[in-house]
C-alpha atoms as a PDB file:
ATOM      1  CA  MET A   1       0.886  -3.572  -8.366  1.00  0.00           C
ATOM      2  CA  SER A   2      -0.003  -5.639  -5.414  1.00  0.00           C
ATOM      3  CA  LYS A   3       0.921  -4.184  -1.992  1.00  0.00           C
ATOM      4  CA  ASP A   4       3.175  -7.153  -0.922  1.00  0.00           C
ATOM      5  CA  GLY A   5       6.099  -5.123   0.634  1.00  0.00           C
ATOM      6  CA  VAL A   6       8.266  -4.384   3.447  1.00  0.00           C
ATOM      7  CA  ILE A   7       8.013  -1.560   5.994  1.00  0.00           C
ATOM      8  CA  PHE A   8      11.426  -0.218   7.106  1.00  0.00           C
ATOM      9  CA  PRO A   9      12.742   2.954   8.899  1.00  0.00           C
ATOM     10  CA  TYR A  10      14.805   5.133   6.555  1.00  0.00           C
ATOM     11  CA  ILE A  11      16.841   8.263   6.600  1.00  0.00           C
ATOM     12  CA  ASN A  12      17.034   9.882   3.263  1.00  0.00           C
ATOM     13  CA  TYR A  13      19.991  11.719   1.719  1.00  0.00           C
ATOM     14  CA  LYS A  14      18.837  14.997   3.199  1.00  0.00           C
ATOM     15  CA  GLY A  15      18.733  13.397   6.802  1.00  0.00           C
ATOM     16  CA  ASP A  16      14.959  13.059   7.140  1.00  0.00           C
ATOM     17  CA  PHE A  17      13.549  10.125   8.961  1.00  0.00           C
ATOM     18  CA  SER A  18      10.500   8.274   7.983  1.00  0.00           C
ATOM     19  CA  TYR A  19       8.947   4.817   7.651  1.00  0.00           C
ATOM     20  CA  ARG A  20       8.738   3.494   4.157  1.00  0.00           C
ATOM     21  CA  PHE A  21       6.579   0.847   2.547  1.00  0.00           C
ATOM     22  CA  ALA A  22       8.102  -0.669  -0.572  1.00  0.00           C
ATOM     23  CA  SER A  23       8.387  -3.821  -2.681  1.00  0.00           C
ATOM     24  CA  PRO A  24      12.036  -4.782  -3.371  1.00  0.00           C
ATOM     25  CA  CYS A  25      12.937  -5.540  -6.913  1.00  0.00           C
ATOM     26  CA  LYS A  26      16.732  -5.898  -6.778  1.00  0.00           C
ATOM     27  CA  VAL A  27      19.910  -4.958  -4.919  1.00  0.00           C
ATOM     28  CA  ASN A  28      23.033  -3.659  -6.703  1.00  0.00           C
ATOM     29  CA  LEU A  29      26.300  -1.863  -6.106  1.00  0.00           C
ATOM     30  CA  GLU A  30      26.413   1.600  -7.910  1.00  0.00           C
ATOM     31  CA  VAL A  31      29.912   3.113  -8.361  1.00  0.00           C
ATOM     32  CA  ARG A  32      28.501   6.545  -8.550  1.00  0.00           C
ATOM     33  CA  ASN A  33      25.186   7.853  -7.437  1.00  0.00           C
ATOM     34  CA  LYS A  34      23.843  11.586  -7.377  1.00  0.00           C
ATOM     35  CA  TYR A  35      22.071  11.130  -4.024  1.00  0.00           C
ATOM     36  CA  HIS A  36      24.044   8.477  -2.143  1.00  0.00           C
ATOM     37  CA  GLY A  37      27.578   8.937  -2.986  1.00  0.00           C
ATOM     38  CA  ASP A  38      30.069   6.551  -4.409  1.00  0.00           C
ATOM     39  CA  ASN A  39      30.178   2.546  -4.082  1.00  0.00           C
ATOM     40  CA  VAL A  40      26.860   2.324  -2.477  1.00  0.00           C
ATOM     41  CA  TRP A  41      24.512  -0.753  -2.265  1.00  0.00           C
ATOM     42  CA  LEU A  42      21.152   0.117  -3.153  1.00  0.00           C
ATOM     43  CA  MET A  43      17.848  -1.613  -2.937  1.00  0.00           C
ATOM     44  CA  SER A  44      15.504  -0.764  -6.012  1.00  0.00           C
ATOM     45  CA  ALA A  45      12.055  -1.046  -5.079  1.00  0.00           C
ATOM     46  CA  TYR A  46       8.436   0.229  -5.770  1.00  0.00           C
ATOM     47  CA  ASP A  47       7.634   2.871  -3.142  1.00  0.00           C
ATOM     48  CA  TYR A  48       3.946   2.760  -2.397  1.00  0.00           C
ATOM     49  CA  ASP A  49       3.957   6.071  -0.533  1.00  0.00           C
ATOM     50  CA  LYS A  50       5.730   7.937  -3.477  1.00  0.00           C
ATOM     51  CA  GLU A  51       3.925   5.696  -6.079  1.00  0.00           C
ATOM     52  CA  GLY A  52       6.904   5.089  -8.078  1.00  0.00           C
ATOM     53  CA  PHE A  53      10.245   3.276  -8.256  1.00  0.00           C
ATOM     54  CA  ARG A  54      13.051   4.481  -5.994  1.00  0.00           C
ATOM     55  CA  ASP A  55      16.554   3.589  -4.939  1.00  0.00           C
ATOM     56  CA  PHE A  56      17.117   3.154  -1.198  1.00  0.00           C
ATOM     57  CA  ALA A  57      20.638   3.012   0.121  1.00  0.00           C
ATOM     58  CA  ILE A  58      21.017   0.035   2.305  1.00  0.00           C
ATOM     59  CA  GLU A  59      23.363   1.983   4.733  1.00  0.00           C
ATOM     60  CA  ASP A  60      20.383   4.608   5.063  1.00  0.00           C
ATOM     61  CA  MET A  61      18.169   1.639   5.993  1.00  0.00           C
ATOM     62  CA  ILE A  62      20.560   0.756   8.835  1.00  0.00           C
ATOM     63  CA  LYS A  63      20.662   4.387   9.940  1.00  0.00           C
ATOM     64  CA  GLY A  64      16.901   4.315  10.040  1.00  0.00           C
ATOM     65  CA  VAL A  65      17.024   1.160  12.336  1.00  0.00           C
ATOM     66  CA  ILE A  66      19.428   2.867  14.570  1.00  0.00           C
ATOM     67  CA  GLN A  67      17.187   5.986  14.784  1.00  0.00           C
ATOM     68  CA  HIS A  68      14.058   3.953  15.326  1.00  0.00           C
ATOM     69  CA  THR A  69      15.777   1.919  18.200  1.00  0.00           C
ATOM     70  CA  LEU A  70      17.002   5.040  19.871  1.00  0.00           C
ATOM     71  CA  GLU A  71      13.406   6.611  19.815  1.00  0.00           C
ATOM     72  CA  THR A  72      11.915   3.359  20.983  1.00  0.00           C
ATOM     73  CA  ILE A  73      14.094   3.291  24.096  1.00  0.00           C
ATOM     74  CA  GLY A  74      13.579   6.838  24.850  1.00  0.00           C
ATOM     75  CA  GLU A  75      16.918   8.190  23.921  1.00  0.00           C
ATOM     76  CA  PRO A  76      17.169  11.585  22.421  1.00  0.00           C
ATOM     77  CA  CYS A  77      18.731  11.359  19.025  1.00  0.00           C
ATOM     78  CA  ASP A  78      19.726  13.349  16.133  1.00  0.00           C
ATOM     79  CA  ILE A  79      21.586  12.536  12.740  1.00  0.00           C
ATOM     80  CA  LYS A  80      24.908  13.225  14.141  1.00  0.00           C
ATOM     81  CA  LEU A  81      24.423  10.479  17.006  1.00  0.00           C
ATOM     82  CA  VAL A  82      22.913   8.044  14.299  1.00  0.00           C
ATOM     83  CA  ASN A  83      26.003   8.620  12.077  1.00  0.00           C
ATOM     84  CA  LEU A  84      28.416   8.208  15.005  1.00  0.00           C
ATOM     85  CA  ILE A  85      26.789   4.778  15.951  1.00  0.00           C
ATOM     86  CA  HIS A  86      26.821   3.788  12.362  1.00  0.00           C
ATOM     87  CA  ASN A  87      30.434   4.563  11.934  1.00  0.00           C
ATOM     88  CA  SER A  88      31.308   2.747  14.998  1.00  0.00           C
ATOM     89  CA  ILE A  89      29.555  -0.426  13.835  1.00  0.00           C
ATOM     90  CA  LYS A  90      31.479  -0.176  10.377  1.00  0.00           C
ATOM     91  CA  HIS A  91      34.654   0.491  12.277  1.00  0.00           C
ATOM     92  CA  LYS A  92      34.135  -2.578  14.433  1.00  0.00           C
ATOM     93  CA  ARG A  93      33.401  -4.964  11.578  1.00  0.00           C
ATOM     94  CA  LEU A  94      36.551  -3.679   9.632  1.00  0.00           C
ATOM     95  CA  GLU A  95      38.626  -4.421  12.861  1.00  0.00           C
ATOM     96  CA  GLU A  96      37.162  -7.884  12.824  1.00  0.00           C
ATOM     97  CA  MET A  97      38.062  -8.506   9.303  1.00  0.00           C
ATOM     98  CA  HIS A  98      41.867  -7.776   9.982  1.00  0.00           C
END
């Protein structure tokens, strides 16, 4: 498999932060997922670091961007702060929809 992929910050289901390198294959909505919960959008991709196909929750990609941004600007962060910011983004969007 050629290494034409994307690099993205990611927080896995355990709360571990890393930068992932993968080639996306498809995006789909899963009603139930063992690692990511219910009604979750997943990006299926070939993960070059793990040398296999993996599913990445798009919300966890967004959380990874939040953590990367906080670290880049020198703000101390932990998963609680990342989740707080992520939830405020979701809440803001839901308000705009109504």
